[in-house]
Amino acid sequence: MLFYFSNNTDMRYGIDSLAAIIEKKYKVNLFVPNTLFLFCGRQSTKIKGLLWEGDGFLLLYKRVERGHFTWPRTSDELRQLCPEQFKWLMQGFAIDPIIYDAEPKYSA
């Protein structure tokens, strides 16, 4: 299953508005089975998902009562997540690594 996300989405939007964002803003085919599009609002406490099931759309919604989702805020671009990153996101973990590869200038 493929996962895509978009940030700063109005959480009042329903299926038609979210589908229009995918088609018009990102120019991505949303009628691909097993592709989940995720949307997050500014407060990062709510996530909506739009999934094409072949015969219609499934709209998913998750709201956390305490805390917030670790949602990237650096770009408005559509991004693909792997299933493992999706699981991390739903569990409250960061989907981007916080430890980066480094090339030391000096050895001991």
C-alpha atoms as a PDB file:
ATOM      1  CA  MET A   1       0.000   0.000   0.000  1.00  0.00           C
ATOM      2  CA  LEU A   2       1.270   3.468  -0.843  1.00  0.00           C
ATOM      3  CA  PHE A   3       0.782   6.405   1.471  1.00  0.00           C
ATOM      4  CA  TYR A   4       0.981  10.065   0.539  1.00  0.00           C
ATOM      5  CA  PHE A   5       0.587  13.054   2.767  1.00  0.00           C
ATOM      6  CA  SER A   6      -0.267  16.698   2.448  1.00  0.00           C
ATOM      7  CA  ASN A   7      -0.035  19.285   5.215  1.00  0.00           C
ATOM      8  CA  ASN A   8      -2.036  22.349   6.255  1.00  0.00           C
ATOM      9  CA  THR A   9      -5.350  20.988   5.004  1.00  0.00           C
ATOM     10  CA  ASP A  10      -8.689  22.335   6.205  1.00  0.00           C
ATOM     11  CA  MET A  11     -10.055  19.459   8.291  1.00  0.00           C
ATOM     12  CA  ARG A  12     -13.644  20.466   7.451  1.00  0.00           C
ATOM     13  CA  TYR A  13     -13.095  19.137   3.903  1.00  0.00           C
ATOM     14  CA  GLY A  14     -14.915  15.983   2.871  1.00  0.00           C
ATOM     15  CA  ILE A  15     -14.260  13.396   0.179  1.00  0.00           C
ATOM     16  CA  ASP A  16     -14.913  15.635  -2.831  1.00  0.00           C
ATOM     17  CA  SER A  17     -12.743  18.515  -1.607  1.00  0.00           C
ATOM     18  CA  LEU A  18      -9.861  16.231  -0.622  1.00  0.00           C
ATOM     19  CA  ALA A  19     -10.065  14.440  -3.984  1.00  0.00           C
ATOM     20  CA  ALA A  20      -9.957  17.819  -5.750  1.00  0.00           C
ATOM     21  CA  ILE A  21      -6.771  18.738  -3.857  1.00  0.00           C
ATOM     22  CA  ILE A  22      -5.110  15.535  -5.011  1.00  0.00           C
ATOM     23  CA  GLU A  23      -6.138  15.988  -8.648  1.00  0.00           C
ATOM     24  CA  LYS A  24      -5.703  19.749  -9.065  1.00  0.00           C
ATOM     25  CA  LYS A  25      -2.879  20.703  -6.713  1.00  0.00           C
ATOM     26  CA  TYR A  26      -0.731  17.580  -7.000  1.00  0.00           C
ATOM     27  CA  LYS A  27      -1.911  16.204 -10.375  1.00  0.00           C
ATOM     28  CA  VAL A  28      -1.886  12.630  -9.077  1.00  0.00           C
ATOM     29  CA  ASN A  29      -4.307   9.876 -10.132  1.00  0.00           C
ATOM     30  CA  LEU A  30      -6.377   9.149  -7.057  1.00  0.00           C
ATOM     31  CA  PHE A  31      -8.151   6.109  -8.525  1.00  0.00           C
ATOM     32  CA  VAL A  32      -5.295   3.714  -7.762  1.00  0.00           C
ATOM     33  CA  PRO A  33      -6.346   0.862  -5.461  1.00  0.00           C
ATOM     34  CA  ASN A  34      -4.495   0.561  -2.148  1.00  0.00           C
ATOM     35  CA  THR A  35      -3.229   4.134  -2.206  1.00  0.00           C
ATOM     36  CA  LEU A  36      -3.967   6.142   0.909  1.00  0.00           C
ATOM     37  CA  PHE A  37      -3.759   9.928   0.822  1.00  0.00           C
ATOM     38  CA  LEU A  38      -3.273  11.541   4.232  1.00  0.00           C
ATOM     39  CA  PHE A  39      -4.134  15.108   5.182  1.00  0.00           C
ATOM     40  CA  CYS A  40      -3.254  16.971   8.356  1.00  0.00           C
ATOM     41  CA  GLY A  41      -4.446  20.301   9.736  1.00  0.00           C
ATOM     42  CA  ARG A  42      -2.345  23.099  11.203  1.00  0.00           C
ATOM     43  CA  GLN A  43      -2.606  21.870  14.801  1.00  0.00           C
ATOM     44  CA  SER A  44      -1.423  18.335  13.924  1.00  0.00           C
ATOM     45  CA  THR A  45      -4.025  16.715  16.183  1.00  0.00           C
ATOM     46  CA  LYS A  46      -6.217  15.371  13.369  1.00  0.00           C
ATOM     47  CA  ILE A  47      -5.524  13.304  10.278  1.00  0.00           C
ATOM     48  CA  LYS A  48      -7.905  12.435   7.452  1.00  0.00           C
ATOM     49  CA  GLY A  49      -7.230   9.691   4.959  1.00  0.00           C
ATOM     50  CA  LEU A  50      -8.763   9.123   1.538  1.00  0.00           C
ATOM     51  CA  LEU A  51      -8.598   5.636   0.052  1.00  0.00           C
ATOM     52  CA  TRP A  52      -9.998   4.462  -3.291  1.00  0.00           C
ATOM     53  CA  GLU A  53     -11.421   0.943  -2.876  1.00  0.00           C
ATOM     54  CA  GLY A  54     -12.316   0.306  -6.510  1.00  0.00           C
ATOM     55  CA  ASP A  55     -16.026   0.985  -6.056  1.00  0.00           C
ATOM     56  CA  GLY A  56     -15.853   4.186  -4.028  1.00  0.00           C
ATOM     57  CA  PHE A  57     -13.857   6.200  -1.540  1.00  0.00           C
ATOM     58  CA  LEU A  58     -13.263   5.422   2.097  1.00  0.00           C
ATOM     59  CA  LEU A  59     -12.747   8.478   4.328  1.00  0.00           C
ATOM     60  CA  LEU A  60     -10.716   7.815   7.471  1.00  0.00           C
ATOM     61  CA  TYR A  61     -10.338  10.192  10.414  1.00  0.00           C
ATOM     62  CA  LYS A  62      -8.114  10.078  13.484  1.00  0.00           C
ATOM     63  CA  ARG A  63      -7.949  12.632  16.282  1.00  0.00           C
ATOM     64  CA  VAL A  64      -5.566  12.375  19.212  1.00  0.00           C
ATOM     65  CA  GLU A  65      -6.805  13.610  22.572  1.00  0.00           C
ATOM     66  CA  ARG A  66      -3.396  14.464  23.992  1.00  0.00           C
ATOM     67  CA  GLY A  67      -0.293  15.423  22.074  1.00  0.00           C
ATOM     68  CA  HIS A  68      -0.021  15.756  18.313  1.00  0.00           C
ATOM     69  CA  PHE A  69       1.227  13.935  15.242  1.00  0.00           C
ATOM     70  CA  THR A  70       4.835  14.496  14.271  1.00  0.00           C
ATOM     71  CA  TRP A  71       3.983  15.898  10.885  1.00  0.00           C
ATOM     72  CA  PRO A  72       6.583  17.503   8.575  1.00  0.00           C
ATOM     73  CA  ARG A  73       6.027  21.258   8.224  1.00  0.00           C
ATOM     74  CA  THR A  74       8.825  22.175   5.852  1.00  0.00           C
ATOM     75  CA  SER A  75       7.072  21.573   2.538  1.00  0.00           C
ATOM     76  CA  ASP A  76       3.632  21.625   0.960  1.00  0.00           C
ATOM     77  CA  GLU A  77       4.688  18.978  -1.534  1.00  0.00           C
ATOM     78  CA  LEU A  78       3.109  15.571  -1.748  1.00  0.00           C
ATOM     79  CA  ARG A  79       5.322  12.885  -0.268  1.00  0.00           C
ATOM     80  CA  GLN A  80       5.300   9.118  -0.302  1.00  0.00           C
ATOM     81  CA  LEU A  81       5.559   7.122   2.914  1.00  0.00           C
ATOM     82  CA  CYS A  82       6.420   3.474   3.339  1.00  0.00           C
ATOM     83  CA  PRO A  83       4.138   1.277   5.482  1.00  0.00           C
ATOM     84  CA  GLU A  84       6.645   1.414   8.338  1.00  0.00           C
ATOM     85  CA  GLN A  85       6.614   5.231   8.347  1.00  0.00           C
ATOM     86  CA  PHE A  86       2.791   5.191   8.359  1.00  0.00           C
ATOM     87  CA  LYS A  87       2.830   2.909  11.401  1.00  0.00           C
ATOM     88  CA  TRP A  88       5.283   5.234  13.158  1.00  0.00           C
ATOM     89  CA  LEU A  89       3.059   8.230  12.382  1.00  0.00           C
ATOM     90  CA  MET A  90      -0.052   6.555  13.813  1.00  0.00           C
ATOM     91  CA  GLN A  91       1.895   5.625  16.965  1.00  0.00           C
ATOM     92  CA  GLY A  92       3.110   9.191  17.519  1.00  0.00           C
ATOM     93  CA  PHE A  93       6.680   8.805  16.315  1.00  0.00           C
ATOM     94  CA  ALA A  94       8.547  10.943  13.786  1.00  0.00           C
ATOM     95  CA  ILE A  95       8.512   9.698  10.193  1.00  0.00           C
ATOM     96  CA  ASP A  96      11.789  11.423   9.346  1.00  0.00           C
ATOM     97  CA  PRO A  97      15.065  10.260  10.839  1.00  0.00           C
ATOM     98  CA  ILE A  98      16.496  12.568  13.456  1.00  0.00           C
ATOM     99  CA  ILE A  99      19.940  10.973  13.308  1.00  0.00           C
ATOM    100  CA  TYR A 100      21.787  11.719  10.090  1.00  0.00           C
ATOM    101  CA  ASP A 101      24.809  10.176   8.421  1.00  0.00           C
ATOM    102  CA  ALA A 102      27.959  12.155   9.090  1.00  0.00           C
ATOM    103  CA  GLU A 103      31.396  12.228   7.546  1.00  0.00           C
ATOM    104  CA  PRO A 104      33.954  13.021  10.248  1.00  0.00           C
ATOM    105  CA  LYS A 105      36.727  15.453   9.302  1.00  0.00           C
ATOM    106  CA  TYR A 106      39.262  13.864  11.619  1.00  0.00           C
ATOM    107  CA  SER A 107      39.923  10.395  12.943  1.00  0.00           C
ATOM    108  CA  ALA A 108      41.103   9.623  16.454  1.00  0.00           C
END
